[in-house]
N, C-alpha and C. Protein backbone atom coordinates (compact mmCIF):
# COMPACT_ATOMS: atom_id res chain seq x y z
N UNK A 1 41.02 42.72 162.81
CA UNK A 1 40.83 42.43 161.58
C UNK A 1 40.79 41.87 160.20
N UNK A 2 39.68 41.81 160.05
CA UNK A 2 39.63 41.15 158.77
C UNK A 2 39.22 41.92 157.39
N UNK A 3 39.68 41.96 156.07
CA UNK A 3 38.84 42.74 155.23
C UNK A 3 38.15 41.84 154.30
N UNK A 4 36.49 42.23 153.99
CA UNK A 4 35.53 40.92 153.13
C UNK A 4 35.30 41.47 152.15
N UNK A 5 34.91 40.82 150.84
CA UNK A 5 34.85 41.70 149.90
C UNK A 5 33.63 41.44 149.64
N UNK A 6 32.24 41.78 148.59
CA UNK A 6 31.99 40.87 148.18
C UNK A 6 31.00 42.20 146.54
N UNK A 7 30.70 41.51 146.27
CA UNK A 7 30.46 42.28 144.88
C UNK A 7 28.78 42.49 144.73
N UNK A 8 28.23 43.42 144.89
CA UNK A 8 26.45 43.83 143.51
C UNK A 8 27.21 44.53 142.47
N UNK A 9 25.32 43.22 141.53
CA UNK A 9 25.68 44.77 140.32
C UNK A 9 24.07 45.34 140.20
N UNK A 10 24.42 46.26 139.41
CA UNK A 10 23.12 47.69 139.40
C UNK A 10 23.53 47.73 138.41
N UNK A 11 22.16 48.35 137.88
CA UNK A 11 21.26 48.53 136.73
C UNK A 11 22.00 50.39 136.83
N UNK A 12 22.49 51.02 135.90
CA UNK A 12 22.30 52.64 135.37
C UNK A 12 21.59 53.39 136.76
N UNK A 13 20.79 54.41 136.76
CA UNK A 13 20.37 54.72 138.27
C UNK A 13 20.64 54.10 138.98
N UNK A 14 20.38 52.90 139.65
CA UNK A 14 19.92 52.66 141.08
C UNK A 14 21.93 52.56 140.89
N UNK A 15 22.67 53.04 140.69
CA UNK A 15 24.23 53.10 140.81
C UNK A 15 24.10 54.15 142.44
N UNK A 16 23.78 54.78 142.22
CA UNK A 16 23.82 56.03 142.29
C UNK A 16 23.13 55.72 144.30
N UNK A 17 21.55 54.93 144.43
CA UNK A 17 21.08 54.78 145.24
C UNK A 17 21.72 53.89 146.10
N UNK A 18 22.00 53.07 145.38
CA UNK A 18 23.64 51.52 146.25
C UNK A 18 24.41 51.79 146.61
N UNK A 19 25.04 52.66 145.67
CA UNK A 19 26.51 53.34 146.08
C UNK A 19 25.79 54.34 148.44
N UNK A 20 24.94 55.54 148.00
CA UNK A 20 24.98 55.85 149.19
C UNK A 20 24.36 55.27 150.00
N UNK A 21 23.39 53.49 149.75
CA UNK A 21 22.95 52.78 151.25
C UNK A 21 24.21 52.63 151.80
N UNK A 22 25.26 52.18 150.38
CA UNK A 22 25.83 51.22 151.25
C UNK A 22 27.60 52.56 152.10
N UNK A 23 27.59 53.68 152.04
CA UNK A 23 28.28 54.88 152.57
C UNK A 23 27.51 54.77 153.67
N UNK A 24 25.99 54.80 154.12
CA UNK A 24 26.28 54.82 155.56
C UNK A 24 26.14 53.55 156.56
N UNK A 25 26.58 52.77 155.47
CA UNK A 25 26.99 51.02 157.08
C UNK A 25 28.20 51.22 157.00
N UNK A 26 28.38 51.03 158.87
CA UNK A 26 28.95 51.40 159.71
C UNK A 26 30.41 50.67 158.73
N UNK A 27 30.23 49.11 158.97
CA UNK A 27 31.48 47.94 158.35
C UNK A 27 32.48 47.97 157.39
N UNK A 28 31.40 48.62 156.28
CA UNK A 28 32.20 49.39 154.49
C UNK A 28 33.60 49.70 155.08
N UNK A 29 34.12 49.04 154.43
CA UNK A 29 35.45 50.09 154.35
C UNK A 29 36.04 50.77 153.07
N UNK A 30 35.91 50.05 152.04
CA UNK A 30 36.24 50.72 150.30
C UNK A 30 34.56 50.24 149.11
N UNK A 31 34.77 51.31 148.34
CA UNK A 31 33.70 50.83 147.42
C UNK A 31 34.34 50.76 146.45
N UNK A 32 34.72 49.72 145.19
CA UNK A 32 34.77 49.95 144.00
C UNK A 32 33.79 49.93 142.82
N UNK A 33 33.30 51.27 142.17
CA UNK A 33 33.07 50.96 141.31
C UNK A 33 33.21 50.72 140.16
N UNK A 34 32.45 49.06 138.83
CA UNK A 34 33.69 49.46 137.90
C UNK A 34 32.94 48.82 136.82
N UNK A 35 32.93 48.98 135.70
CA UNK A 35 31.49 49.42 134.87
C UNK A 35 31.46 47.60 133.90
N UNK A 36 30.85 47.59 132.76
CA UNK A 36 30.27 46.76 132.21
C UNK A 36 31.49 45.72 132.55
N UNK A 37 32.49 46.54 131.59
CA UNK A 37 33.98 45.36 130.96
C UNK A 37 34.84 45.38 132.24
N UNK A 38 34.09 45.76 133.76
CA UNK A 38 35.61 45.68 134.44
C UNK A 38 36.78 46.60 135.03
N UNK A 39 36.44 47.95 134.46
CA UNK A 39 37.15 48.75 133.84
C UNK A 39 36.60 49.51 135.52
N UNK A 40 37.77 49.90 136.31
CA UNK A 40 37.74 50.39 137.94
C UNK A 40 36.91 51.75 136.93
N UNK A 41 35.68 52.59 137.51
CA UNK A 41 35.73 53.81 137.18
C UNK A 41 35.79 55.21 138.39
N UNK A 42 35.68 54.11 139.21
CA UNK A 42 35.49 54.92 140.73
C UNK A 42 35.91 54.12 142.13
N UNK A 43 37.10 55.07 142.84
CA UNK A 43 37.45 53.81 144.34
C UNK A 43 37.39 55.31 145.34
N UNK A 44 35.86 54.97 146.16
CA UNK A 44 35.71 55.39 147.45
C UNK A 44 36.13 54.58 148.49
N UNK A 45 37.17 56.15 149.56
CA UNK A 45 37.86 55.30 150.59
C UNK A 45 36.62 55.83 151.79
N UNK A 46 36.33 54.92 152.43
CA UNK A 46 35.65 54.97 153.87
C UNK A 46 35.66 54.77 155.14
N UNK A 47 35.40 56.30 155.04
CA UNK A 47 36.04 56.39 156.97
C UNK A 47 35.08 56.77 157.93
N UNK A 48 34.99 56.61 158.96
CA UNK A 48 34.67 56.48 159.64
C UNK A 48 34.25 57.91 159.92
N UNK A 49 33.14 58.77 160.42
CA UNK A 49 32.62 59.82 160.24
C UNK A 49 33.06 60.61 159.39
N UNK A 50 32.51 59.85 158.09
CA UNK A 50 32.43 60.63 156.52
C UNK A 50 31.36 61.21 157.13
N UNK A 51 31.39 62.90 156.33
CA UNK A 51 29.78 63.55 156.33
C UNK A 51 29.53 63.76 155.26
N UNK A 52 28.11 64.02 155.29
CA UNK A 52 27.48 64.26 154.22
C UNK A 52 27.99 65.31 153.27
N UNK A 53 29.16 66.51 153.57
CA UNK A 53 29.54 67.72 152.90
C UNK A 53 30.41 66.51 151.46
N UNK A 54 30.72 65.39 152.67
CA UNK A 54 32.11 64.80 151.33
C UNK A 54 31.43 63.64 150.38
N UNK A 55 29.83 63.76 150.53
CA UNK A 55 29.21 62.17 149.85
C UNK A 55 28.47 63.46 148.72
N UNK A 56 28.00 63.99 149.49
CA UNK A 56 27.02 65.23 147.96
C UNK A 56 27.87 64.83 147.34
N UNK A 57 29.31 65.14 146.61
CA UNK A 57 29.78 65.62 145.42
C UNK A 57 30.27 63.58 144.21
N UNK A 58 30.66 63.16 145.70
CA UNK A 58 30.56 61.70 145.03
C UNK A 58 29.01 61.15 144.18
N UNK A 59 28.38 61.21 145.11
CA UNK A 59 26.32 61.00 144.53
C UNK A 59 26.47 61.74 143.52
N UNK A 60 26.95 62.60 143.74
CA UNK A 60 26.38 63.52 141.42
C UNK A 60 28.05 62.66 140.88
N UNK A 61 28.82 62.70 141.55
CA UNK A 61 29.49 61.85 140.08
C UNK A 61 29.00 60.74 140.03
N UNK A 62 27.94 60.40 140.47
CA UNK A 62 27.89 58.78 139.96
C UNK A 62 26.47 58.74 139.39
N UNK A 63 25.74 59.78 139.55
CA UNK A 63 24.57 60.41 139.04
C UNK A 63 25.43 60.72 137.41
N UNK A 64 26.24 60.93 137.07
CA UNK A 64 26.38 61.35 135.90
C UNK A 64 27.27 60.47 135.23
N UNK A 65 28.11 59.45 136.19
CA UNK A 65 28.39 58.18 135.09
C UNK A 65 27.65 56.80 135.20
N UNK A 66 26.99 56.76 135.90
CA UNK A 66 25.50 56.02 135.80
C UNK A 66 24.92 56.26 134.53
N UNK A 67 24.77 57.40 133.87
CA UNK A 67 24.57 57.02 132.47
C UNK A 67 25.15 56.20 131.13
N UNK A 68 26.08 56.55 131.58
CA UNK A 68 27.54 56.04 130.51
C UNK A 68 27.21 54.57 130.46
N UNK A 69 26.96 53.57 131.57
CA UNK A 69 26.59 52.61 130.85
C UNK A 69 25.48 51.50 131.69
N UNK A 70 24.92 50.51 131.16
CA UNK A 70 24.01 49.66 131.02
C UNK A 70 24.00 49.15 132.40
N UNK A 71 25.24 48.72 132.63
CA UNK A 71 25.22 47.61 133.98
C UNK A 71 26.31 48.50 134.86
N UNK A 72 26.09 47.89 136.24
CA UNK A 72 27.59 48.75 137.31
C UNK A 72 28.38 47.27 137.43
N UNK A 73 29.55 47.31 138.96
CA UNK A 73 29.42 46.55 139.62
C UNK A 73 30.25 46.87 140.77
N UNK A 74 29.80 46.57 141.66
CA UNK A 74 30.73 47.08 143.17
C UNK A 74 30.79 46.41 143.69
N UNK A 75 32.21 46.28 144.22
CA UNK A 75 33.13 45.93 145.17
C UNK A 75 32.94 46.64 146.15
N UNK A 76 32.34 45.56 147.28
CA UNK A 76 32.33 46.03 149.69
C UNK A 76 33.45 45.52 149.32
N UNK A 77 33.99 46.32 150.08
CA UNK A 77 35.89 45.81 151.46
C UNK A 77 34.68 46.08 152.46
N UNK A 78 34.57 45.46 153.21
CA UNK A 78 33.52 45.86 154.72
C UNK A 78 35.28 44.51 156.18
N UNK A 79 34.79 45.73 156.72
CA UNK A 79 35.66 44.99 157.83
C UNK A 79 35.13 44.04 158.63
N UNK A 80 35.67 42.79 159.05
CA UNK A 80 34.22 42.17 160.58
C UNK A 80 35.71 41.82 161.22
N UNK A 81 35.00 41.26 162.19
CA UNK A 81 35.84 40.74 163.46
C UNK A 81 36.45 39.77 163.30
N UNK A 82 37.03 39.29 163.57
CA UNK A 82 37.68 38.31 162.73
C UNK A 82 37.82 37.36 164.42
N UNK A 83 37.31 36.25 164.83
CA UNK A 83 37.35 35.54 166.18
C UNK A 83 38.70 34.76 165.93
N UNK A 84 39.97 35.38 167.27
CA UNK A 84 40.96 34.16 167.20
C UNK A 84 41.24 33.24 168.58
N UNK A 85 41.61 31.99 168.17
CA UNK A 85 41.45 31.01 169.20
C UNK A 85 42.91 30.82 170.19
N UNK A 86 43.17 30.51 170.95
CA UNK A 86 44.33 30.04 171.36
C UNK A 86 43.86 28.91 172.08
N UNK A 87 44.62 28.59 172.01
CA UNK A 87 45.26 26.58 172.59
C UNK A 87 46.15 26.22 172.09
């Protein structure tokens, strides 16, 4: 298994919705939220079987910090299946 990273930029209020969407995707392993200056504000390790009771406080915190900056970047680390070639 290989970990692949991608970055998504969002504006203030979109932060919580985008993280919620990412949490529901099965291949996501970690979500890192950074402010406009590139400083890490929150890291969310995502494991299989994350339940709503765990997600709710995270989304509440993200809603509170979303008002602090106009632009956010979200680094998404996904697990990908890498085919092995034998030869």
